[in-house]
């Protein structure tokens, strides 16, 4: 797949199944994550790969966090199931570092760019992925369970696997609706 084709056909695939990335594919995905813009070369990221039995461990973290933070019953009920939506999840974290030239927003954006490049690397290798956030990305209890610092930000959970269905999604936005000239 060439770069232009990748950029113009990339899509999110929410229905994922095994197999997930193999070790060679995962190595490429990891390398792609580290090639994002990084002002000051401070590498403001951390990644946690969750697969196999570790998915149940993450599900338990979700569940305990939802209970502790008194979430709605439907959030608590679904907590352990969410992690089973794909054979692999990569948790992407912005590790904020006070820096005179690199504001927090740039560091969070850099970590966000890493999620996109990992998804693109997976897609280019014939895999599917979907970037999710939501309550569990904002939960203080989840951050504590993952041993994150208070200023750290979970920018996303990247679910990776093989798309259950081959479904090419058409472009839904037109450039002329979003770009203007100054």
N, C-alpha and C. Protein backbone atom coordinates (compact mmCIF):
# COMPACT_ATOMS: atom_id res chain seq x y z
N UNK A 1 0.86 -1.17 0.00
CA UNK A 1 0.00 0.00 0.00
C UNK A 1 0.90 1.24 0.00
N UNK A 2 0.69 2.13 -0.96
CA UNK A 2 1.52 3.34 -0.95
C UNK A 2 0.93 4.38 0.01
N UNK A 3 1.72 5.40 0.31
CA UNK A 3 1.35 6.38 1.34
C UNK A 3 0.06 7.13 1.01
N UNK A 4 -0.12 7.53 -0.24
CA UNK A 4 -1.32 8.28 -0.61
C UNK A 4 -2.55 7.40 -0.47
N UNK A 5 -2.46 6.17 -0.95
CA UNK A 5 -3.59 5.24 -0.80
C UNK A 5 -3.93 5.06 0.68
N UNK A 6 -2.91 4.91 1.53
CA UNK A 6 -3.14 4.76 2.97
C UNK A 6 -3.88 5.96 3.52
N UNK A 7 -3.39 7.15 3.20
CA UNK A 7 -4.00 8.36 3.74
C UNK A 7 -5.43 8.57 3.27
N UNK A 8 -5.73 8.16 2.05
CA UNK A 8 -7.06 8.40 1.48
C UNK A 8 -8.05 7.25 1.71
N UNK A 9 -7.57 6.11 2.21
CA UNK A 9 -8.49 5.00 2.44
C UNK A 9 -8.54 4.54 3.89
N UNK A 10 -7.72 5.10 4.76
CA UNK A 10 -7.70 4.73 6.18
C UNK A 10 -9.10 4.85 6.75
N UNK A 11 -9.46 3.91 7.58
CA UNK A 11 -10.77 3.95 8.20
C UNK A 11 -10.70 3.27 9.55
N UNK A 12 -11.70 3.51 10.35
CA UNK A 12 -11.82 2.82 11.64
C UNK A 12 -12.70 1.60 11.45
N UNK A 13 -12.26 0.49 12.01
CA UNK A 13 -13.02 -0.75 11.95
C UNK A 13 -13.36 -1.16 13.38
N UNK A 14 -14.61 -1.01 13.76
CA UNK A 14 -15.02 -1.27 15.13
C UNK A 14 -15.21 -2.75 15.43
N UNK A 15 -15.49 -3.57 14.43
CA UNK A 15 -15.71 -5.00 14.65
C UNK A 15 -14.42 -5.75 14.31
N UNK A 16 -13.68 -6.09 15.37
CA UNK A 16 -12.37 -6.70 15.20
C UNK A 16 -12.32 -8.07 15.86
N UNK A 17 -11.55 -8.96 15.25
CA UNK A 17 -11.43 -10.31 15.77
C UNK A 17 -9.96 -10.74 15.67
N UNK A 18 -9.66 -11.94 16.14
CA UNK A 18 -8.32 -12.50 16.01
C UNK A 18 -8.11 -12.91 14.56
N UNK A 19 -6.90 -12.89 14.09
CA UNK A 19 -5.71 -12.57 14.86
C UNK A 19 -5.47 -11.07 14.96
N UNK A 20 -4.80 -10.72 16.03
CA UNK A 20 -4.30 -9.36 16.19
C UNK A 20 -2.93 -9.28 15.55
N UNK A 21 -2.25 -8.18 15.74
CA UNK A 21 -0.91 -8.05 15.16
C UNK A 21 0.03 -9.13 15.68
N UNK A 22 0.81 -9.71 14.75
CA UNK A 22 1.86 -10.64 15.19
C UNK A 22 3.06 -9.81 15.64
N UNK A 23 4.12 -10.45 16.09
CA UNK A 23 5.24 -9.70 16.66
C UNK A 23 5.92 -8.79 15.64
N UNK A 24 6.02 -9.23 14.39
CA UNK A 24 6.63 -8.39 13.36
C UNK A 24 5.74 -7.17 13.05
N UNK A 25 4.44 -7.41 12.94
CA UNK A 25 3.51 -6.31 12.69
C UNK A 25 3.51 -5.33 13.86
N UNK A 26 3.52 -5.87 15.08
CA UNK A 26 3.53 -5.01 16.26
C UNK A 26 4.80 -4.18 16.32
N UNK A 27 5.93 -4.75 15.92
CA UNK A 27 7.17 -3.99 15.91
C UNK A 27 7.07 -2.79 14.97
N UNK A 28 6.47 -2.97 13.81
CA UNK A 28 6.27 -1.87 12.86
C UNK A 28 5.33 -0.82 13.46
N UNK A 29 4.27 -1.28 14.09
CA UNK A 29 3.31 -0.37 14.74
C UNK A 29 4.01 0.45 15.80
N UNK A 30 4.84 -0.18 16.61
CA UNK A 30 5.59 0.53 17.65
C UNK A 30 6.55 1.56 17.05
N UNK A 31 7.24 1.17 15.99
CA UNK A 31 8.18 2.10 15.34
C UNK A 31 7.44 3.31 14.79
N UNK A 32 6.27 3.08 14.21
CA UNK A 32 5.47 4.19 13.66
C UNK A 32 5.07 5.17 14.76
N UNK A 33 4.75 4.65 15.93
CA UNK A 33 4.33 5.51 17.05
C UNK A 33 5.41 6.50 17.43
N UNK A 34 6.65 6.12 17.24
CA UNK A 34 7.77 6.95 17.68
C UNK A 34 8.28 7.91 16.61
N UNK A 35 7.60 7.95 15.46
CA UNK A 35 8.02 8.83 14.36
C UNK A 35 7.15 10.08 14.24
N UNK A 36 6.38 10.37 15.24
CA UNK A 36 5.46 11.52 15.20
C UNK A 36 6.21 12.81 15.54
N UNK A 37 5.60 13.97 15.24
CA UNK A 37 6.21 15.23 15.63
C UNK A 37 6.48 15.24 17.14
N UNK A 38 7.66 15.72 17.50
CA UNK A 38 8.09 15.70 18.90
C UNK A 38 8.96 16.93 19.16
N UNK A 39 8.32 18.08 19.33
CA UNK A 39 9.02 19.34 19.58
C UNK A 39 9.91 19.18 20.80
N UNK A 40 11.17 19.53 20.65
CA UNK A 40 12.12 19.45 21.75
C UNK A 40 12.67 18.05 21.98
N UNK A 41 12.25 17.09 21.18
CA UNK A 41 12.70 15.69 21.32
C UNK A 41 12.56 15.20 22.76
N UNK A 42 11.40 15.46 23.35
CA UNK A 42 11.20 15.06 24.75
C UNK A 42 10.43 13.75 24.89
N UNK A 43 9.97 13.21 23.78
CA UNK A 43 9.25 11.92 23.77
C UNK A 43 8.19 11.87 24.88
N UNK A 44 7.13 12.69 24.77
CA UNK A 44 6.13 12.77 25.84
C UNK A 44 5.06 11.68 25.77
N UNK A 45 5.49 10.42 25.66
CA UNK A 45 4.52 9.35 25.51
C UNK A 45 4.91 8.13 26.31
N UNK A 46 3.90 7.31 26.53
CA UNK A 46 4.08 5.96 27.08
C UNK A 46 2.99 5.12 26.46
N UNK A 47 3.29 3.86 26.20
CA UNK A 47 2.32 2.96 25.58
C UNK A 47 2.26 1.66 26.39
N UNK A 48 1.06 1.16 26.61
CA UNK A 48 0.87 -0.10 27.32
C UNK A 48 0.15 -1.04 26.36
N UNK A 49 0.78 -2.16 26.02
CA UNK A 49 0.19 -3.16 25.13
C UNK A 49 -0.58 -4.16 25.98
N UNK A 50 -1.83 -4.37 25.61
CA UNK A 50 -2.73 -5.25 26.36
C UNK A 50 -3.23 -6.32 25.40
N UNK A 51 -2.90 -7.58 25.71
CA UNK A 51 -3.36 -8.69 24.88
C UNK A 51 -3.43 -9.95 25.73
N UNK A 52 -4.07 -10.97 25.21
CA UNK A 52 -4.19 -12.23 25.96
C UNK A 52 -4.92 -12.01 27.27
N UNK A 53 -4.41 -12.64 28.34
CA UNK A 53 -5.05 -12.54 29.65
C UNK A 53 -5.02 -11.13 30.22
N UNK A 54 -4.13 -10.30 29.75
CA UNK A 54 -4.05 -8.92 30.25
C UNK A 54 -5.33 -8.15 29.92
N UNK A 55 -6.07 -8.57 28.91
CA UNK A 55 -7.35 -7.90 28.61
C UNK A 55 -8.31 -8.04 29.79
N UNK A 56 -8.35 -9.22 30.40
CA UNK A 56 -9.23 -9.40 31.56
C UNK A 56 -8.75 -8.54 32.72
N UNK A 57 -7.45 -8.40 32.87
CA UNK A 57 -6.91 -7.54 33.93
C UNK A 57 -7.34 -6.09 33.69
N UNK A 58 -7.27 -5.61 32.45
CA UNK A 58 -7.72 -4.26 32.14
C UNK A 58 -9.23 -4.15 32.36
N UNK A 59 -9.99 -5.18 32.00
CA UNK A 59 -11.43 -5.18 32.25
C UNK A 59 -11.74 -5.06 33.72
N UNK A 60 -10.96 -5.72 34.55
CA UNK A 60 -11.16 -5.62 36.00
C UNK A 60 -10.83 -4.21 36.49
N UNK A 61 -9.80 -3.59 35.92
CA UNK A 61 -9.46 -2.20 36.26
C UNK A 61 -10.63 -1.29 35.89
N UNK A 62 -11.18 -1.49 34.70
CA UNK A 62 -12.35 -0.71 34.27
C UNK A 62 -13.50 -0.90 35.27
N UNK A 63 -13.78 -2.16 35.58
CA UNK A 63 -14.90 -2.48 36.46
C UNK A 63 -14.72 -1.84 37.83
N UNK A 64 -13.58 -2.05 38.45
CA UNK A 64 -13.32 -1.51 39.78
C UNK A 64 -13.38 0.02 39.77
N UNK A 65 -12.89 0.63 38.70
CA UNK A 65 -12.91 2.09 38.58
C UNK A 65 -14.34 2.61 38.46
N UNK A 66 -15.14 1.93 37.65
CA UNK A 66 -16.54 2.35 37.47
C UNK A 66 -17.32 2.24 38.77
N UNK A 67 -17.07 1.17 39.53
CA UNK A 67 -17.74 0.99 40.82
C UNK A 67 -17.27 2.07 41.79
N UNK A 68 -15.96 2.26 41.90
CA UNK A 68 -15.40 3.23 42.85
C UNK A 68 -15.87 4.65 42.55
N UNK A 69 -16.03 4.96 41.28
CA UNK A 69 -16.44 6.32 40.89
C UNK A 69 -17.95 6.43 40.69
N UNK A 70 -18.68 5.41 41.14
CA UNK A 70 -20.13 5.39 41.14
C UNK A 70 -20.73 5.76 39.78
N UNK A 71 -20.28 5.07 38.75
CA UNK A 71 -20.81 5.28 37.41
C UNK A 71 -22.19 4.65 37.28
N UNK A 72 -22.87 4.99 36.18
CA UNK A 72 -24.18 4.42 35.91
C UNK A 72 -24.07 2.89 35.82
N UNK A 73 -25.15 2.22 36.10
CA UNK A 73 -25.17 0.75 36.09
C UNK A 73 -24.74 0.19 34.73
N UNK A 74 -25.14 0.83 33.63
CA UNK A 74 -24.78 0.30 32.32
C UNK A 74 -23.27 0.39 32.08
N UNK A 75 -22.61 1.40 32.61
CA UNK A 75 -21.15 1.53 32.48
C UNK A 75 -20.48 0.41 33.27
N UNK A 76 -20.95 0.19 34.48
CA UNK A 76 -20.39 -0.86 35.33
C UNK A 76 -20.58 -2.23 34.67
N UNK A 77 -21.78 -2.46 34.14
CA UNK A 77 -22.12 -3.74 33.53
C UNK A 77 -21.24 -4.07 32.32
N UNK A 78 -20.95 -3.05 31.52
CA UNK A 78 -20.19 -3.26 30.28
C UNK A 78 -18.68 -3.23 30.48
N UNK A 79 -18.21 -2.79 31.64
CA UNK A 79 -16.79 -2.53 31.86
C UNK A 79 -15.88 -3.69 31.46
N UNK A 80 -16.21 -4.88 31.89
CA UNK A 80 -15.35 -6.04 31.62
C UNK A 80 -15.45 -6.52 30.18
N UNK A 81 -16.54 -6.19 29.50
CA UNK A 81 -16.75 -6.63 28.12
C UNK A 81 -16.03 -5.75 27.10
N UNK A 82 -15.84 -4.49 27.42
CA UNK A 82 -15.26 -3.55 26.47
C UNK A 82 -13.90 -3.98 25.96
N UNK A 83 -13.11 -4.58 26.83
CA UNK A 83 -11.75 -4.97 26.47
C UNK A 83 -11.71 -6.19 25.57
N UNK A 84 -12.83 -6.83 25.36
CA UNK A 84 -12.89 -8.03 24.53
C UNK A 84 -13.26 -7.70 23.08
N UNK A 85 -13.32 -6.42 22.75
CA UNK A 85 -13.72 -6.01 21.40
C UNK A 85 -12.63 -6.21 20.36
N UNK A 86 -11.41 -6.52 20.80
CA UNK A 86 -10.30 -6.74 19.87
C UNK A 86 -9.25 -7.59 20.58
N UNK A 87 -8.44 -8.30 19.82
CA UNK A 87 -7.42 -9.13 20.45
C UNK A 87 -6.26 -8.34 21.07
N UNK A 88 -6.11 -7.08 20.68
CA UNK A 88 -5.04 -6.25 21.25
C UNK A 88 -5.54 -4.83 21.45
N UNK A 89 -5.09 -4.24 22.54
CA UNK A 89 -5.37 -2.83 22.83
C UNK A 89 -4.03 -2.19 23.17
N UNK A 90 -3.78 -1.03 22.60
CA UNK A 90 -2.61 -0.26 22.99
C UNK A 90 -3.13 1.01 23.66
N UNK A 91 -2.75 1.19 24.91
CA UNK A 91 -3.13 2.39 25.65
C UNK A 91 -2.06 3.44 25.38
N UNK A 92 -2.46 4.57 24.84
CA UNK A 92 -1.52 5.65 24.52
C UNK A 92 -1.67 6.75 25.56
N UNK A 93 -0.55 7.13 26.15
CA UNK A 93 -0.54 8.08 27.25
C UNK A 93 0.37 9.25 26.93
N UNK A 94 -0.13 10.45 27.14
CA UNK A 94 0.72 11.64 27.05
C UNK A 94 1.36 11.82 28.43
N UNK A 95 2.68 11.76 28.46
CA UNK A 95 3.43 11.92 29.71
C UNK A 95 3.94 13.35 29.75
N UNK A 96 3.11 14.24 30.30
CA UNK A 96 3.45 15.66 30.30
C UNK A 96 4.73 15.92 31.08
N UNK A 97 5.58 16.76 30.47
CA UNK A 97 6.83 17.19 31.09
C UNK A 97 6.90 18.71 31.01
N UNK A 98 7.04 19.36 32.13
CA UNK A 98 7.18 20.82 32.11
C UNK A 98 8.38 21.18 31.24
N UNK A 99 8.17 22.09 30.29
CA UNK A 99 9.22 22.46 29.35
C UNK A 99 9.00 23.91 28.92
N UNK A 100 10.05 24.71 28.89
CA UNK A 100 9.88 26.13 28.56
C UNK A 100 9.41 26.40 27.13
N UNK A 101 9.63 25.47 26.20
CA UNK A 101 9.27 25.70 24.80
C UNK A 101 8.20 24.76 24.27
N UNK A 102 7.83 23.75 25.04
CA UNK A 102 6.87 22.76 24.55
C UNK A 102 5.67 22.73 25.49
N UNK A 103 4.60 23.45 25.13
CA UNK A 103 3.42 23.49 26.01
C UNK A 103 2.72 22.13 26.08
N UNK A 104 1.91 22.01 27.09
CA UNK A 104 1.16 20.77 27.32
C UNK A 104 0.38 20.34 26.08
N UNK A 105 -0.29 21.28 25.42
CA UNK A 105 -1.11 20.90 24.27
C UNK A 105 -0.28 20.23 23.18
N UNK A 106 0.94 20.69 22.96
CA UNK A 106 1.79 20.05 21.95
C UNK A 106 2.15 18.63 22.35
N UNK A 107 2.37 18.42 23.63
CA UNK A 107 2.73 17.09 24.10
C UNK A 107 1.55 16.13 23.98
N UNK A 108 0.36 16.60 24.29
CA UNK A 108 -0.84 15.76 24.14
C UNK A 108 -1.10 15.49 22.66
N UNK A 109 -0.93 16.51 21.82
CA UNK A 109 -1.12 16.31 20.38
C UNK A 109 -0.12 15.31 19.83
N UNK A 110 1.11 15.36 20.30
CA UNK A 110 2.12 14.40 19.85
C UNK A 110 1.69 12.98 20.19
N UNK A 111 1.21 12.78 21.40
CA UNK A 111 0.73 11.45 21.79
C UNK A 111 -0.47 11.05 20.93
N UNK A 112 -1.35 12.00 20.64
CA UNK A 112 -2.49 11.72 19.77
C UNK A 112 -2.04 11.33 18.37
N UNK A 113 -1.03 12.02 17.87
CA UNK A 113 -0.49 11.66 16.55
C UNK A 113 0.03 10.23 16.56
N UNK A 114 0.58 9.78 17.68
CA UNK A 114 1.10 8.42 17.76
C UNK A 114 -0.02 7.40 17.58
N UNK A 115 -1.20 7.71 18.11
CA UNK A 115 -2.33 6.78 17.95
C UNK A 115 -2.68 6.66 16.47
N UNK A 116 -2.75 7.79 15.79
CA UNK A 116 -3.08 7.77 14.37
C UNK A 116 -2.02 7.01 13.57
N UNK A 117 -0.74 7.25 13.85
CA UNK A 117 0.28 6.55 13.07
C UNK A 117 0.28 5.05 13.36
N UNK A 118 -0.01 4.67 14.61
CA UNK A 118 -0.10 3.23 14.90
C UNK A 118 -1.27 2.61 14.14
N UNK A 119 -2.40 3.32 14.11
CA UNK A 119 -3.55 2.78 13.39
C UNK A 119 -3.24 2.68 11.90
N UNK A 120 -2.56 3.69 11.36
CA UNK A 120 -2.20 3.66 9.94
C UNK A 120 -1.23 2.51 9.66
N UNK A 121 -0.27 2.29 10.54
CA UNK A 121 0.68 1.19 10.35
C UNK A 121 -0.04 -0.15 10.38
N UNK A 122 -1.02 -0.28 11.25
CA UNK A 122 -1.82 -1.51 11.30
C UNK A 122 -2.61 -1.67 10.01
N UNK A 123 -3.27 -0.61 9.57
CA UNK A 123 -4.09 -0.63 8.37
C UNK A 123 -3.25 -0.98 7.14
N UNK A 124 -2.05 -0.41 7.06
CA UNK A 124 -1.16 -0.67 5.93
C UNK A 124 -0.73 -2.13 5.88
N UNK A 125 -0.81 -2.82 7.01
CA UNK A 125 -0.42 -4.23 7.08
C UNK A 125 -1.63 -5.17 6.99
N UNK A 126 -2.78 -4.62 6.62
CA UNK A 126 -3.97 -5.45 6.44
C UNK A 126 -4.77 -5.69 7.70
N UNK A 127 -4.43 -4.98 8.77
CA UNK A 127 -5.17 -5.10 10.03
C UNK A 127 -6.21 -4.00 10.13
N UNK A 128 -7.04 -4.06 11.13
CA UNK A 128 -8.01 -3.01 11.39
C UNK A 128 -7.79 -2.46 12.78
N UNK A 129 -8.33 -1.28 12.98
CA UNK A 129 -8.20 -0.67 14.29
C UNK A 129 -9.23 0.42 14.50
N UNK A 130 -9.45 0.74 15.76
CA UNK A 130 -10.33 1.84 16.10
C UNK A 130 -9.78 2.51 17.36
N UNK A 131 -9.78 3.82 17.33
CA UNK A 131 -9.27 4.65 18.42
C UNK A 131 -10.46 5.03 19.29
N UNK A 132 -10.42 4.65 20.55
CA UNK A 132 -11.53 4.96 21.46
C UNK A 132 -11.02 5.74 22.66
N UNK A 133 -11.92 6.55 23.21
CA UNK A 133 -11.62 7.28 24.45
C UNK A 133 -12.77 7.03 25.40
N UNK A 134 -13.49 8.06 25.81
CA UNK A 134 -14.63 7.88 26.69
C UNK A 134 -14.26 7.93 28.15
N UNK A 135 -15.20 7.49 28.97
CA UNK A 135 -15.07 7.57 30.42
C UNK A 135 -13.76 6.96 30.93
N UNK A 136 -13.38 5.79 30.42
CA UNK A 136 -12.21 5.10 30.97
C UNK A 136 -10.90 5.78 30.60
N UNK A 137 -10.91 6.68 29.64
CA UNK A 137 -9.71 7.47 29.34
C UNK A 137 -9.59 8.66 30.29
N UNK A 138 -10.70 9.06 30.89
CA UNK A 138 -10.70 10.21 31.80
C UNK A 138 -10.71 9.82 33.27
N UNK A 139 -10.94 8.57 33.56
CA UNK A 139 -11.10 8.11 34.93
C UNK A 139 -9.82 8.23 35.76
N UNK A 140 -9.92 8.92 36.89
CA UNK A 140 -8.80 9.02 37.81
C UNK A 140 -8.44 7.66 38.37
N UNK A 141 -9.44 6.84 38.64
CA UNK A 141 -9.20 5.50 39.18
C UNK A 141 -8.44 4.62 38.18
N UNK A 142 -8.77 4.72 36.89
CA UNK A 142 -8.04 3.96 35.87
C UNK A 142 -6.59 4.45 35.82
N UNK A 143 -6.40 5.76 35.81
CA UNK A 143 -5.04 6.31 35.77
C UNK A 143 -4.24 5.83 36.98
N UNK A 144 -4.86 5.82 38.14
CA UNK A 144 -4.17 5.33 39.35
C UNK A 144 -3.81 3.86 39.24
N UNK A 145 -4.74 3.06 38.72
CA UNK A 145 -4.49 1.63 38.58
C UNK A 145 -3.37 1.34 37.59
N UNK A 146 -3.19 2.23 36.62
CA UNK A 146 -2.12 2.09 35.63
C UNK A 146 -0.83 2.78 36.07
N UNK A 147 -0.82 3.28 37.31
CA UNK A 147 0.35 3.96 37.89
C UNK A 147 0.77 5.20 37.10
N UNK A 148 -0.22 5.94 36.62
CA UNK A 148 0.07 7.16 35.88
C UNK A 148 0.13 8.34 36.86
N UNK A 149 0.88 9.36 36.47
CA UNK A 149 0.94 10.57 37.28
C UNK A 149 -0.31 11.41 37.03
N UNK A 150 -0.59 12.30 37.95
CA UNK A 150 -1.79 13.13 37.86
C UNK A 150 -1.84 13.93 36.56
N UNK A 151 -0.70 14.43 36.09
CA UNK A 151 -0.68 15.26 34.89
C UNK A 151 -0.68 14.43 33.60
N UNK A 152 -0.57 13.10 33.70
CA UNK A 152 -0.61 12.25 32.51
C UNK A 152 -2.02 12.21 31.94
N UNK A 153 -2.09 11.98 30.65
CA UNK A 153 -3.38 11.97 29.95
C UNK A 153 -3.47 10.71 29.10
N UNK A 154 -4.52 9.91 29.30
CA UNK A 154 -4.76 8.79 28.39
C UNK A 154 -5.41 9.38 27.16
N UNK A 155 -4.67 9.41 26.05
CA UNK A 155 -5.21 10.02 24.84
C UNK A 155 -6.02 9.03 24.02
N UNK A 156 -5.89 7.76 24.33
CA UNK A 156 -6.72 6.81 23.62
C UNK A 156 -6.37 5.37 23.87
N UNK A 157 -7.36 4.54 23.58
CA UNK A 157 -7.20 3.10 23.57
C UNK A 157 -7.30 2.70 22.10
N UNK A 158 -6.22 2.17 21.56
CA UNK A 158 -6.23 1.74 20.16
C UNK A 158 -6.50 0.24 20.13
N UNK A 159 -7.69 -0.12 19.68
CA UNK A 159 -8.10 -1.51 19.55
C UNK A 159 -7.61 -2.01 18.18
N UNK A 160 -6.89 -3.14 18.16
CA UNK A 160 -6.32 -3.67 16.93
C UNK A 160 -6.69 -5.14 16.75
N UNK A 161 -6.93 -5.51 15.50
CA UNK A 161 -7.23 -6.89 15.17
C UNK A 161 -7.51 -7.02 13.69
N UNK A 162 -8.19 -8.07 13.33
CA UNK A 162 -8.58 -8.32 11.95
C UNK A 162 -10.04 -7.91 11.81
N UNK A 163 -10.35 -7.06 10.81
CA UNK A 163 -11.76 -6.66 10.63
C UNK A 163 -12.64 -7.90 10.40
N UNK A 164 -13.77 -7.94 11.10
CA UNK A 164 -14.70 -9.05 10.95
C UNK A 164 -15.36 -9.04 9.58
N UNK A 165 -15.57 -7.87 9.03
CA UNK A 165 -16.19 -7.75 7.71
C UNK A 165 -15.36 -6.82 6.85
N UNK A 166 -15.28 -7.15 5.58
CA UNK A 166 -14.61 -6.29 4.60
C UNK A 166 -15.61 -5.22 4.20
N UNK A 167 -15.39 -4.02 4.64
CA UNK A 167 -16.35 -2.95 4.38
C UNK A 167 -15.58 -1.66 4.11
N UNK A 168 -15.45 -1.32 2.85
CA UNK A 168 -14.77 -0.08 2.49
C UNK A 168 -15.75 1.07 2.67
N UNK A 169 -15.36 2.02 3.48
CA UNK A 169 -16.23 3.14 3.78
C UNK A 169 -15.92 4.30 2.84
N UNK A 170 -16.94 4.87 2.21
CA UNK A 170 -16.70 6.00 1.31
C UNK A 170 -16.34 7.26 2.11
N UNK A 171 -15.62 8.16 1.47
CA UNK A 171 -15.31 9.44 2.11
C UNK A 171 -16.61 10.17 2.40
N UNK A 172 -16.76 10.71 3.61
CA UNK A 172 -18.02 11.36 3.97
C UNK A 172 -17.91 12.87 4.05
N UNK A 173 -16.72 13.39 3.93
CA UNK A 173 -16.53 14.84 3.99
C UNK A 173 -15.90 15.33 2.69
N UNK A 174 -16.25 16.56 2.30
CA UNK A 174 -15.69 17.17 1.09
C UNK A 174 -14.74 18.29 1.51
N UNK A 175 -13.54 18.33 0.94
CA UNK A 175 -12.58 19.37 1.31
C UNK A 175 -13.14 20.79 1.25
N UNK A 176 -13.94 21.07 0.24
CA UNK A 176 -14.46 22.43 0.09
C UNK A 176 -15.35 22.87 1.26
N UNK A 177 -15.84 21.92 2.03
CA UNK A 177 -16.66 22.26 3.20
C UNK A 177 -15.84 22.66 4.41
N UNK A 178 -14.52 22.42 4.36
CA UNK A 178 -13.68 22.64 5.54
C UNK A 178 -12.47 23.53 5.29
N UNK A 179 -12.12 23.76 4.03
CA UNK A 179 -10.94 24.56 3.71
C UNK A 179 -11.35 25.85 3.01
N UNK A 180 -10.73 26.94 3.42
CA UNK A 180 -10.92 28.23 2.77
C UNK A 180 -9.56 28.86 2.57
N UNK A 181 -9.52 29.87 1.75
CA UNK A 181 -8.29 30.62 1.52
C UNK A 181 -8.35 31.90 2.33
N UNK A 182 -7.22 32.35 2.80
CA UNK A 182 -7.14 33.60 3.54
C UNK A 182 -6.96 34.73 2.56
